[in-house]
Amino acid sequence: MSTAVFSARERFTALVQVVGGMLCLQFGSSYAKMLFPTFGAAGMVGLRTFFAAIMLMLFFRSWHSLSRRVLWLVLPYGLSLAAMNYFFYLSLGRLPLGTTVALEFTGPLALSFIHTRRWTDVVWTSLTVLGLVLLLRPESAVRPDPIGIVFALLAALCWALYIIFARNIAGKLPSGQACSLGMLCGGAAVFMPCTIPALWVGIQAPLLLGVSVIVALCSSALPYTLEMQAMQKLSAREFGVLCSLEPVSASLAGAILLHEAPSLLRLCGILCVVLASVGTVLMPQRTKATAPDGPALPE
């Protein structure tokens, strides 16, 4: 009896960790958007990856794994991670947070549809398309920024590539080291064009630079650590269902911190994308399952 109670308690703790990491991620994105007027979207990408790489490298002590072979292994993963964050922040500068995250979710959804051949996928694809129509449909004189939409879809494409590259390194490196070294590669890629100008601005506004450290902690280091611990206690299906709620948490964070309360039409579009994601996770798989050992963070 005590074992069953302890197991249930562990699973509840894992659920809290996933939800907590999700909320940290989206509230971190909200605070990042608040800093756009000072550092710009590209500058925030540089600061986030720079500070997150330092935190993750220190936490996982990944310098022990540094070698030319390992860096070449994680390089595509790190570059796709940096590109995903870059386009996500560019889109976030033009669209509400909830809409941006929902559009970005089409990347892993499309990847899931490509790798399965089930009749129910027609239902989930149709639901995704309906959600996109509702999200992108103009409301009175207010139209979604087309450039922001393009950036969000590019972030979705990079997220799909990120998942593919993460699967390629799964089992070859511990997930914590893979994520930290990938973040290091991504940070190196954007260091010259994005990080250095932002650090120069931060020298003149040290308080805001300190807030960017908190953004890196909330958006990368803390969510990944919490989710990695939770994945040891939850099945891949349970973890996927919980992650499918991310557009909802993004809308909540955007409404509270950025005053981006979605209209009923936009909210229905977000829920359609969430339902399509949940349905894709819950339906039985016909293809060979892949071990969920690789990193799974979206941003």
C-alpha atoms as a PDB file:
ATOM      1  CA  MET A   1       0.000   0.000   0.000  1.00  0.00           C
ATOM      2  CA  SER A   2       2.754   2.428   0.932  1.00  0.00           C
ATOM      3  CA  THR A   3       4.514   1.774  -2.367  1.00  0.00           C
ATOM      4  CA  ALA A   4       1.357   2.612  -4.330  1.00  0.00           C
ATOM      5  CA  VAL A   5       0.820   5.806  -2.336  1.00  0.00           C
ATOM      6  CA  PHE A   6       4.454   6.791  -2.819  1.00  0.00           C
ATOM      7  CA  SER A   7       4.189   6.111  -6.556  1.00  0.00           C
ATOM      8  CA  ALA A   8       1.063   8.254  -6.851  1.00  0.00           C
ATOM      9  CA  ARG A   9       2.801  11.025  -4.945  1.00  0.00           C
ATOM     10  CA  GLU A  10       5.781  10.841  -7.291  1.00  0.00           C
ATOM     11  CA  ARG A  11       3.525  11.043 -10.331  1.00  0.00           C
ATOM     12  CA  PHE A  12       1.729  14.051  -8.876  1.00  0.00           C
ATOM     13  CA  THR A  13       5.108  15.677  -8.238  1.00  0.00           C
ATOM     14  CA  ALA A  14       6.043  14.991 -11.863  1.00  0.00           C
ATOM     15  CA  LEU A  15       2.798  16.589 -13.045  1.00  0.00           C
ATOM     16  CA  VAL A  16       3.538  19.680 -10.950  1.00  0.00           C
ATOM     17  CA  GLN A  17       7.058  19.782 -12.401  1.00  0.00           C
ATOM     18  CA  VAL A  18       5.787  19.696 -15.995  1.00  0.00           C
ATOM     19  CA  VAL A  19       3.128  22.344 -15.394  1.00  0.00           C
ATOM     20  CA  GLY A  20       5.614  24.442 -13.414  1.00  0.00           C
ATOM     21  CA  GLY A  21       8.195  24.219 -16.181  1.00  0.00           C
ATOM     22  CA  MET A  22       5.557  25.112 -18.762  1.00  0.00           C
ATOM     23  CA  LEU A  23       4.454  28.185 -16.816  1.00  0.00           C
ATOM     24  CA  CYS A  24       8.086  29.214 -16.227  1.00  0.00           C
ATOM     25  CA  LEU A  25       8.755  28.973 -19.952  1.00  0.00           C
ATOM     26  CA  GLN A  26       5.779  31.106 -20.987  1.00  0.00           C
ATOM     27  CA  PHE A  27       6.167  33.681 -18.232  1.00  0.00           C
ATOM     28  CA  GLY A  28       9.842  33.891 -19.212  1.00  0.00           C
ATOM     29  CA  SER A  29       8.760  34.560 -22.809  1.00  0.00           C
ATOM     30  CA  SER A  30       6.418  37.284 -21.551  1.00  0.00           C
ATOM     31  CA  TYR A  31       9.229  39.009 -19.650  1.00  0.00           C
ATOM     32  CA  ALA A  32      11.473  38.634 -22.707  1.00  0.00           C
ATOM     33  CA  LYS A  33       8.896  40.493 -24.797  1.00  0.00           C
ATOM     34  CA  MET A  34       8.873  43.298 -22.217  1.00  0.00           C
ATOM     35  CA  LEU A  35      12.613  43.711 -22.825  1.00  0.00           C
ATOM     36  CA  PHE A  36      12.273  43.938 -26.633  1.00  0.00           C
ATOM     37  CA  PRO A  37      12.168  47.782 -26.589  1.00  0.00           C
ATOM     38  CA  THR A  38      15.586  47.802 -24.876  1.00  0.00           C
ATOM     39  CA  PHE A  39      17.462  44.865 -26.407  1.00  0.00           C
ATOM     40  CA  GLY A  40      15.368  43.987 -29.464  1.00  0.00           C
ATOM     41  CA  ALA A  41      14.137  40.497 -30.324  1.00  0.00           C
ATOM     42  CA  ALA A  42      17.511  39.414 -31.731  1.00  0.00           C
ATOM     43  CA  GLY A  43      19.313  40.798 -28.684  1.00  0.00           C
ATOM     44  CA  MET A  44      17.071  38.827 -26.340  1.00  0.00           C
ATOM     45  CA  VAL A  45      17.821  35.651 -28.306  1.00  0.00           C
ATOM     46  CA  GLY A  46      21.523  36.307 -27.798  1.00  0.00           C
ATOM     47  CA  LEU A  47      21.199  37.043 -24.080  1.00  0.00           C
ATOM     48  CA  ARG A  48      18.901  34.091 -23.440  1.00  0.00           C
ATOM     49  CA  THR A  49      21.131  31.547 -25.176  1.00  0.00           C
ATOM     50  CA  PHE A  50      24.291  33.068 -23.650  1.00  0.00           C
ATOM     51  CA  PHE A  51      23.125  32.949 -20.038  1.00  0.00           C
ATOM     52  CA  ALA A  52      21.199  29.677 -20.475  1.00  0.00           C
ATOM     53  CA  ALA A  53      24.287  27.977 -21.928  1.00  0.00           C
ATOM     54  CA  ILE A  54      26.343  29.073 -18.912  1.00  0.00           C
ATOM     55  CA  MET A  55      23.687  27.863 -16.455  1.00  0.00           C
ATOM     56  CA  LEU A  56      23.178  24.493 -18.158  1.00  0.00           C
ATOM     57  CA  MET A  57      26.912  23.881 -18.625  1.00  0.00           C
ATOM     58  CA  LEU A  58      27.501  24.544 -14.921  1.00  0.00           C
ATOM     59  CA  PHE A  59      24.491  22.517 -13.758  1.00  0.00           C
ATOM     60  CA  PHE A  60      25.257  19.423 -15.857  1.00  0.00           C
ATOM     61  CA  ARG A  61      29.067  19.870 -15.781  1.00  0.00           C
ATOM     62  CA  SER A  62      29.096  19.241 -19.495  1.00  0.00           C
ATOM     63  CA  TRP A  63      32.663  20.429 -20.047  1.00  0.00           C
ATOM     64  CA  HIS A  64      33.733  16.862 -19.202  1.00  0.00           C
ATOM     65  CA  SER A  65      32.088  15.714 -22.457  1.00  0.00           C
ATOM     66  CA  LEU A  66      33.634  18.384 -24.681  1.00  0.00           C
ATOM     67  CA  SER A  67      35.381  16.982 -27.731  1.00  0.00           C
ATOM     68  CA  ARG A  68      35.414  17.711 -31.438  1.00  0.00           C
ATOM     69  CA  ARG A  69      33.345  14.600 -32.172  1.00  0.00           C
ATOM     70  CA  VAL A  70      30.687  15.500 -29.595  1.00  0.00           C
ATOM     71  CA  LEU A  71      30.482  19.106 -30.800  1.00  0.00           C
ATOM     72  CA  TRP A  72      29.971  17.976 -34.402  1.00  0.00           C
ATOM     73  CA  LEU A  73      27.282  15.605 -33.137  1.00  0.00           C
ATOM     74  CA  VAL A  74      25.294  18.302 -31.317  1.00  0.00           C
ATOM     75  CA  LEU A  75      25.974  21.138 -33.799  1.00  0.00           C
ATOM     76  CA  PRO A  76      22.851  20.615 -36.003  1.00  0.00           C
ATOM     77  CA  TYR A  77      20.737  20.285 -32.859  1.00  0.00           C
ATOM     78  CA  GLY A  78      22.185  23.492 -31.391  1.00  0.00           C
ATOM     79  CA  LEU A  79      21.802  25.473 -34.621  1.00  0.00           C
ATOM     80  CA  SER A  80      18.166  24.405 -35.020  1.00  0.00           C
ATOM     81  CA  LEU A  81      17.570  25.373 -31.379  1.00  0.00           C
ATOM     82  CA  ALA A  82      19.066  28.839 -31.932  1.00  0.00           C
ATOM     83  CA  ALA A  83      17.107  29.346 -35.166  1.00  0.00           C
ATOM     84  CA  MET A  84      13.876  28.242 -33.470  1.00  0.00           C
ATOM     85  CA  ASN A  85      14.369  30.755 -30.654  1.00  0.00           C
ATOM     86  CA  TYR A  86      15.385  33.474 -33.116  1.00  0.00           C
ATOM     87  CA  PHE A  87      12.286  33.181 -35.294  1.00  0.00           C
ATOM     88  CA  PHE A  88      10.072  32.666 -32.233  1.00  0.00           C
ATOM     89  CA  TYR A  89      11.201  35.963 -30.719  1.00  0.00           C
ATOM     90  CA  LEU A  90      10.902  37.788 -34.054  1.00  0.00           C
ATOM     91  CA  SER A  91       7.323  36.524 -34.310  1.00  0.00           C
ATOM     92  CA  LEU A  92       6.658  37.382 -30.673  1.00  0.00           C
ATOM     93  CA  GLY A  93       7.532  40.995 -31.444  1.00  0.00           C
ATOM     94  CA  ARG A  94       4.622  41.128 -33.920  1.00  0.00           C
ATOM     95  CA  LEU A  95       2.008  38.661 -32.615  1.00  0.00           C
ATOM     96  CA  PRO A  96       0.447  37.834 -29.221  1.00  0.00           C
ATOM     97  CA  LEU A  97       2.249  35.145 -27.227  1.00  0.00           C
ATOM     98  CA  GLY A  98      -0.625  32.632 -27.358  1.00  0.00           C
ATOM     99  CA  THR A  99      -0.989  32.962 -31.130  1.00  0.00           C
ATOM    100  CA  THR A 100       2.767  32.642 -31.671  1.00  0.00           C
ATOM    101  CA  VAL A 101       3.037  29.454 -29.604  1.00  0.00           C
ATOM    102  CA  ALA A 102      -0.036  27.918 -31.274  1.00  0.00           C
ATOM    103  CA  LEU A 103       1.406  28.593 -34.740  1.00  0.00           C
ATOM    104  CA  GLU A 104       4.780  27.205 -33.662  1.00  0.00           C
ATOM    105  CA  PHE A 105       3.069  24.013 -32.497  1.00  0.00           C
ATOM    106  CA  THR A 106       2.210  23.196 -36.130  1.00  0.00           C
ATOM    107  CA  GLY A 107       5.850  22.123 -36.609  1.00  0.00           C
ATOM    108  CA  PRO A 108       5.825  19.042 -34.348  1.00  0.00           C
ATOM    109  CA  LEU A 109       2.216  18.344 -35.356  1.00  0.00           C
ATOM    110  CA  ALA A 110       3.167  18.248 -39.044  1.00  0.00           C
ATOM    111  CA  LEU A 111       6.117  16.000 -38.214  1.00  0.00           C
ATOM    112  CA  SER A 112       3.793  13.637 -36.364  1.00  0.00           C
ATOM    113  CA  PHE A 113       1.357  13.533 -39.297  1.00  0.00           C
ATOM    114  CA  ILE A 114       4.176  12.759 -41.748  1.00  0.00           C
ATOM    115  CA  HIS A 115       5.424   9.791 -39.703  1.00  0.00           C
ATOM    116  CA  THR A 116       2.034   8.117 -39.213  1.00  0.00           C
ATOM    117  CA  ARG A 117      -0.548   6.606 -41.558  1.00  0.00           C
ATOM    118  CA  ARG A 118      -3.767   6.516 -39.525  1.00  0.00           C
ATOM    119  CA  TRP A 119      -7.240   7.472 -40.665  1.00  0.00           C
ATOM    120  CA  THR A 120      -7.649   9.545 -37.511  1.00  0.00           C
ATOM    121  CA  ASP A 121      -4.810  11.784 -38.687  1.00  0.00           C
ATOM    122  CA  VAL A 122      -7.274  13.274 -41.170  1.00  0.00           C
ATOM    123  CA  VAL A 123      -9.346  14.403 -38.187  1.00  0.00           C
ATOM    124  CA  TRP A 124      -6.378  15.923 -36.361  1.00  0.00           C
ATOM    125  CA  THR A 125      -5.073  17.577 -39.537  1.00  0.00           C
ATOM    126  CA  SER A 126      -8.497  19.081 -40.208  1.00  0.00           C
ATOM    127  CA  LEU A 127      -8.684  20.306 -36.617  1.00  0.00           C
ATOM    128  CA  THR A 128      -5.247  21.909 -36.955  1.00  0.00           C
ATOM    129  CA  VAL A 129      -6.257  23.634 -40.197  1.00  0.00           C
ATOM    130  CA  LEU A 130      -9.461  24.870 -38.560  1.00  0.00           C
ATOM    131  CA  GLY A 131      -7.425  26.221 -35.656  1.00  0.00           C
ATOM    132  CA  LEU A 132      -5.097  28.063 -38.037  1.00  0.00           C
ATOM    133  CA  VAL A 133      -8.044  29.550 -39.927  1.00  0.00           C
ATOM    134  CA  LEU A 134      -9.525  30.832 -36.666  1.00  0.00           C
ATOM    135  CA  LEU A 135      -6.165  32.172 -35.498  1.00  0.00           C
ATOM    136  CA  LEU A 136      -5.345  33.950 -38.751  1.00  0.00           C
ATOM    137  CA  ARG A 137      -8.834  35.149 -39.679  1.00  0.00           C
ATOM    138  CA  PRO A 138      -9.004  38.968 -39.576  1.00  0.00           C
ATOM    139  CA  GLU A 139     -11.234  40.444 -36.881  1.00  0.00           C
ATOM    140  CA  SER A 140     -12.792  43.750 -37.966  1.00  0.00           C
ATOM    141  CA  ALA A 141      -9.899  46.068 -38.897  1.00  0.00           C
ATOM    142  CA  VAL A 142      -7.318  44.136 -36.882  1.00  0.00           C
ATOM    143  CA  ARG A 143      -5.334  41.705 -39.024  1.00  0.00           C
ATOM    144  CA  PRO A 144      -2.567  39.406 -37.811  1.00  0.00           C
ATOM    145  CA  ASP A 145       0.828  40.684 -38.907  1.00  0.00           C
ATOM    146  CA  PRO A 146       1.756  38.604 -42.005  1.00  0.00           C
ATOM    147  CA  ILE A 147       5.491  38.909 -41.321  1.00  0.00           C
ATOM    148  CA  GLY A 148       4.899  37.712 -37.757  1.00  0.00           C
ATOM    149  CA  ILE A 149       2.993  34.718 -39.145  1.00  0.00           C
ATOM    150  CA  VAL A 150       5.891  33.870 -41.472  1.00  0.00           C
ATOM    151  CA  PHE A 151       8.345  34.089 -38.568  1.00  0.00           C
ATOM    152  CA  ALA A 152       6.132  31.819 -36.431  1.00  0.00           C
ATOM    153  CA  LEU A 153       5.903  29.230 -39.219  1.00  0.00           C
ATOM    154  CA  LEU A 154       9.684  29.365 -39.691  1.00  0.00           C
ATOM    155  CA  ALA A 155       9.998  28.738 -35.943  1.00  0.00           C
ATOM    156  CA  ALA A 156       7.638  25.776 -36.399  1.00  0.00           C
ATOM    157  CA  LEU A 157       9.870  24.400 -39.163  1.00  0.00           C
ATOM    158  CA  CYS A 158      12.942  24.822 -36.954  1.00  0.00           C
ATOM    159  CA  TRP A 159      11.128  23.069 -34.094  1.00  0.00           C
ATOM    160  CA  ALA A 160      10.462  20.082 -36.368  1.00  0.00           C
ATOM    161  CA  LEU A 161      14.150  20.020 -37.371  1.00  0.00           C
ATOM    162  CA  TYR A 162      15.092  20.344 -33.702  1.00  0.00           C
ATOM    163  CA  ILE A 163      13.055  17.216 -32.899  1.00  0.00           C
ATOM    164  CA  ILE A 164      14.669  15.277 -35.762  1.00  0.00           C
ATOM    165  CA  PHE A 165      18.193  16.239 -34.664  1.00  0.00           C
ATOM    166  CA  ALA A 166      17.341  15.516 -31.007  1.00  0.00           C
ATOM    167  CA  ARG A 167      16.284  11.996 -32.013  1.00  0.00           C
ATOM    168  CA  ASN A 168      19.570  11.554 -33.863  1.00  0.00           C
ATOM    169  CA  ILE A 169      21.596  12.196 -30.704  1.00  0.00           C
ATOM    170  CA  ALA A 170      19.233  10.340 -28.343  1.00  0.00           C
ATOM    171  CA  GLY A 171      21.115   7.520 -26.635  1.00  0.00           C
ATOM    172  CA  LYS A 172      24.497   8.825 -27.795  1.00  0.00           C
ATOM    173  CA  LEU A 173      24.721  11.464 -25.062  1.00  0.00           C
ATOM    174  CA  PRO A 174      22.928  11.972 -21.733  1.00  0.00           C
ATOM    175  CA  SER A 175      20.013  14.318 -22.366  1.00  0.00           C
ATOM    176  CA  GLY A 176      21.296  16.981 -19.960  1.00  0.00           C
ATOM    177  CA  GLN A 177      24.688  17.138 -21.634  1.00  0.00           C
ATOM    178  CA  ALA A 178      23.112  17.128 -25.098  1.00  0.00           C
ATOM    179  CA  CYS A 179      20.906  20.091 -24.207  1.00  0.00           C
ATOM    180  CA  SER A 180      23.669  22.120 -22.551  1.00  0.00           C
ATOM    181  CA  LEU A 181      26.178  21.487 -25.350  1.00  0.00           C
ATOM    182  CA  GLY A 182      23.489  22.200 -27.947  1.00  0.00           C
ATOM    183  CA  MET A 183      22.710  25.483 -26.191  1.00  0.00           C
ATOM    184  CA  LEU A 184      26.445  26.228 -26.195  1.00  0.00           C
ATOM    185  CA  CYS A 185      26.614  25.697 -29.977  1.00  0.00           C
ATOM    186  CA  GLY A 186      23.501  27.803 -30.519  1.00  0.00           C
ATOM    187  CA  GLY A 187      24.870  30.524 -28.272  1.00  0.00           C
ATOM    188  CA  ALA A 188      28.151  30.553 -30.194  1.00  0.00           C
ATOM    189  CA  ALA A 189      26.252  30.906 -33.497  1.00  0.00           C
ATOM    190  CA  VAL A 190      24.393  34.051 -32.392  1.00  0.00           C
ATOM    191  CA  PHE A 191      27.144  35.497 -30.163  1.00  0.00           C
ATOM    192  CA  MET A 192      28.622  37.976 -32.645  1.00  0.00           C
ATOM    193  CA  PRO A 193      25.436  39.311 -34.319  1.00  0.00           C
ATOM    194  CA  CYS A 194      23.068  39.158 -31.332  1.00  0.00           C
ATOM    195  CA  THR A 195      24.774  38.740 -27.954  1.00  0.00           C
ATOM    196  CA  ILE A 196      27.619  41.275 -28.137  1.00  0.00           C
ATOM    197  CA  PRO A 197      25.377  44.249 -29.112  1.00  0.00           C
ATOM    198  CA  ALA A 198      22.882  43.263 -26.401  1.00  0.00           C
ATOM    199  CA  LEU A 199      25.626  42.983 -23.764  1.00  0.00           C
ATOM    200  CA  TRP A 200      26.863  46.442 -24.745  1.00  0.00           C
ATOM    201  CA  VAL A 201      23.361  47.826 -24.214  1.00  0.00           C
ATOM    202  CA  GLY A 202      23.121  45.864 -20.963  1.00  0.00           C
ATOM    203  CA  ILE A 203      26.246  47.546 -19.580  1.00  0.00           C
ATOM    204  CA  GLN A 204      24.325  50.810 -19.746  1.00  0.00           C
ATOM    205  CA  ALA A 205      21.191  49.229 -18.213  1.00  0.00           C
ATOM    206  CA  PRO A 206      22.481  46.657 -15.691  1.00  0.00           C
ATOM    207  CA  LEU A 207      19.099  46.184 -14.015  1.00  0.00           C
ATOM    208  CA  LEU A 208      17.490  45.128 -17.293  1.00  0.00           C
ATOM    209  CA  LEU A 209      20.493  42.916 -18.030  1.00  0.00           C
ATOM    210  CA  GLY A 210      19.791  41.200 -14.711  1.00  0.00           C
ATOM    211  CA  VAL A 211      16.190  40.650 -15.793  1.00  0.00           C
ATOM    212  CA  SER A 212      17.490  38.963 -18.960  1.00  0.00           C
ATOM    213  CA  VAL A 213      19.362  36.495 -16.727  1.00  0.00           C
ATOM    214  CA  ILE A 214      16.022  35.685 -15.068  1.00  0.00           C
ATOM    215  CA  VAL A 215      14.501  35.237 -18.543  1.00  0.00           C
ATOM    216  CA  ALA A 216      17.233  32.713 -19.409  1.00  0.00           C
ATOM    217  CA  LEU A 217      16.606  30.891 -16.135  1.00  0.00           C
ATOM    218  CA  CYS A 218      12.817  30.793 -16.629  1.00  0.00           C
ATOM    219  CA  SER A 219      12.850  30.104 -20.374  1.00  0.00           C
ATOM    220  CA  SER A 220      15.572  27.460 -20.609  1.00  0.00           C
ATOM    221  CA  ALA A 221      17.477  26.260 -17.550  1.00  0.00           C
ATOM    222  CA  LEU A 222      14.640  25.775 -15.054  1.00  0.00           C
ATOM    223  CA  PRO A 223      11.968  24.321 -17.419  1.00  0.00           C
ATOM    224  CA  TYR A 224      14.413  21.826 -18.896  1.00  0.00           C
ATOM    225  CA  THR A 225      15.601  20.652 -15.484  1.00  0.00           C
ATOM    226  CA  LEU A 226      12.026  20.233 -14.223  1.00  0.00           C
ATOM    227  CA  GLU A 227      10.830  18.445 -17.365  1.00  0.00           C
ATOM    228  CA  MET A 228      13.825  16.114 -17.434  1.00  0.00           C
ATOM    229  CA  GLN A 229      13.046  15.024 -13.867  1.00  0.00           C
ATOM    230  CA  ALA A 230       9.346  14.612 -14.685  1.00  0.00           C
ATOM    231  CA  MET A 231      10.040  12.470 -17.762  1.00  0.00           C
ATOM    232  CA  GLN A 232      11.539   9.808 -15.489  1.00  0.00           C
ATOM    233  CA  LYS A 233       8.172   9.352 -13.746  1.00  0.00           C
ATOM    234  CA  LEU A 234       5.678   9.867 -16.588  1.00  0.00           C
ATOM    235  CA  SER A 235       5.088   7.886 -19.762  1.00  0.00           C
ATOM    236  CA  ALA A 236       5.857   9.553 -23.095  1.00  0.00           C
ATOM    237  CA  ARG A 237       2.113   9.743 -23.785  1.00  0.00           C
ATOM    238  CA  GLU A 238       1.322  11.454 -20.475  1.00  0.00           C
ATOM    239  CA  PHE A 239       4.196  13.859 -20.964  1.00  0.00           C
ATOM    240  CA  GLY A 240       3.006  14.652 -24.498  1.00  0.00           C
ATOM    241  CA  VAL A 241      -0.542  15.395 -23.357  1.00  0.00           C
ATOM    242  CA  LEU A 242       0.725  17.789 -20.694  1.00  0.00           C
ATOM    243  CA  CYS A 243       3.000  19.559 -23.188  1.00  0.00           C
ATOM    244  CA  SER A 244       0.022  19.945 -25.524  1.00  0.00           C
ATOM    245  CA  LEU A 245      -1.399  22.456 -23.057  1.00  0.00           C
ATOM    246  CA  GLU A 246       1.460  24.854 -23.764  1.00  0.00           C
ATOM    247  CA  PRO A 247      -0.530  27.202 -26.059  1.00  0.00           C
ATOM    248  CA  VAL A 248      -3.073  27.581 -23.247  1.00  0.00           C
ATOM    249  CA  SER A 249      -0.360  28.447 -20.714  1.00  0.00           C
ATOM    250  CA  ALA A 250       1.098  30.897 -23.245  1.00  0.00           C
ATOM    251  CA  SER A 251      -2.278  32.603 -23.626  1.00  0.00           C
ATOM    252  CA  LEU A 252      -2.609  32.767 -19.845  1.00  0.00           C
ATOM    253  CA  ALA A 253       0.854  34.302 -19.415  1.00  0.00           C
ATOM    254  CA  GLY A 254       0.222  36.750 -22.257  1.00  0.00           C
ATOM    255  CA  ALA A 255      -3.100  37.834 -20.774  1.00  0.00           C
ATOM    256  CA  ILE A 256      -1.683  38.342 -17.259  1.00  0.00           C
ATOM    257  CA  LEU A 257       1.661  39.987 -18.024  1.00  0.00           C
ATOM    258  CA  LEU A 258       1.237  41.477 -21.502  1.00  0.00           C
ATOM    259  CA  HIS A 259      -2.515  42.253 -21.439  1.00  0.00           C
ATOM    260  CA  GLU A 260      -2.939  40.159 -24.614  1.00  0.00           C
ATOM    261  CA  ALA A 261      -6.313  38.646 -23.778  1.00  0.00           C
ATOM    262  CA  PRO A 262      -7.318  36.567 -26.838  1.00  0.00           C
ATOM    263  CA  SER A 263     -10.719  37.041 -28.426  1.00  0.00           C
ATOM    264  CA  LEU A 264     -13.200  34.160 -28.380  1.00  0.00           C
ATOM    265  CA  LEU A 265     -12.311  33.363 -32.000  1.00  0.00           C
ATOM    266  CA  ARG A 266      -8.570  33.252 -31.287  1.00  0.00           C
ATOM    267  CA  LEU A 267      -9.153  31.193 -28.138  1.00  0.00           C
ATOM    268  CA  CYS A 268     -11.146  28.629 -30.143  1.00  0.00           C
ATOM    269  CA  GLY A 269      -8.282  28.443 -32.647  1.00  0.00           C
ATOM    270  CA  ILE A 270      -5.754  27.820 -29.868  1.00  0.00           C
ATOM    271  CA  LEU A 271      -7.970  25.108 -28.363  1.00  0.00           C
ATOM    272  CA  CYS A 272      -8.272  23.414 -31.780  1.00  0.00           C
ATOM    273  CA  VAL A 273      -4.478  23.173 -32.015  1.00  0.00           C
ATOM    274  CA  VAL A 274      -4.331  21.849 -28.431  1.00  0.00           C
ATOM    275  CA  LEU A 275      -6.993  19.193 -29.137  1.00  0.00           C
ATOM    276  CA  ALA A 276      -5.190  18.128 -32.318  1.00  0.00           C
ATOM    277  CA  SER A 277      -1.965  17.735 -30.347  1.00  0.00           C
ATOM    278  CA  VAL A 278      -3.673  15.783 -27.539  1.00  0.00           C
ATOM    279  CA  GLY A 279      -5.421  13.547 -30.068  1.00  0.00           C
ATOM    280  CA  THR A 280      -2.163  12.834 -31.888  1.00  0.00           C
ATOM    281  CA  VAL A 281      -0.502  11.816 -28.611  1.00  0.00           C
ATOM    282  CA  LEU A 282      -3.375   9.686 -27.313  1.00  0.00           C
ATOM    283  CA  MET A 283      -4.137   7.668 -30.442  1.00  0.00           C
ATOM    284  CA  PRO A 284      -2.322   4.304 -30.651  1.00  0.00           C
ATOM    285  CA  GLN A 285       0.843   4.335 -32.732  1.00  0.00           C
ATOM    286  CA  ARG A 286       1.359   2.006 -35.680  1.00  0.00           C
ATOM    287  CA  THR A 287       4.895   3.083 -36.306  1.00  0.00           C
ATOM    288  CA  LYS A 288       7.875   1.965 -34.303  1.00  0.00           C
ATOM    289  CA  ALA A 289       8.206   3.998 -31.149  1.00  0.00           C
ATOM    290  CA  THR A 290      11.269   6.092 -30.576  1.00  0.00           C
ATOM    291  CA  ALA A 291      12.834   6.247 -27.156  1.00  0.00           C
ATOM    292  CA  PRO A 292      12.102   9.669 -25.685  1.00  0.00           C
ATOM    293  CA  ASP A 293      15.623  10.194 -24.429  1.00  0.00           C
ATOM    294  CA  GLY A 294      16.432  13.328 -26.358  1.00  0.00           C
ATOM    295  CA  PRO A 295      15.722  16.846 -25.177  1.00  0.00           C
ATOM    296  CA  ALA A 296      12.139  17.961 -25.713  1.00  0.00           C
ATOM    297  CA  LEU A 297      12.021  21.677 -24.957  1.00  0.00           C
ATOM    298  CA  PRO A 298      10.278  23.865 -27.666  1.00  0.00           C
ATOM    299  CA  GLU A 299      12.032  27.195 -26.960  1.00  0.00           C
END
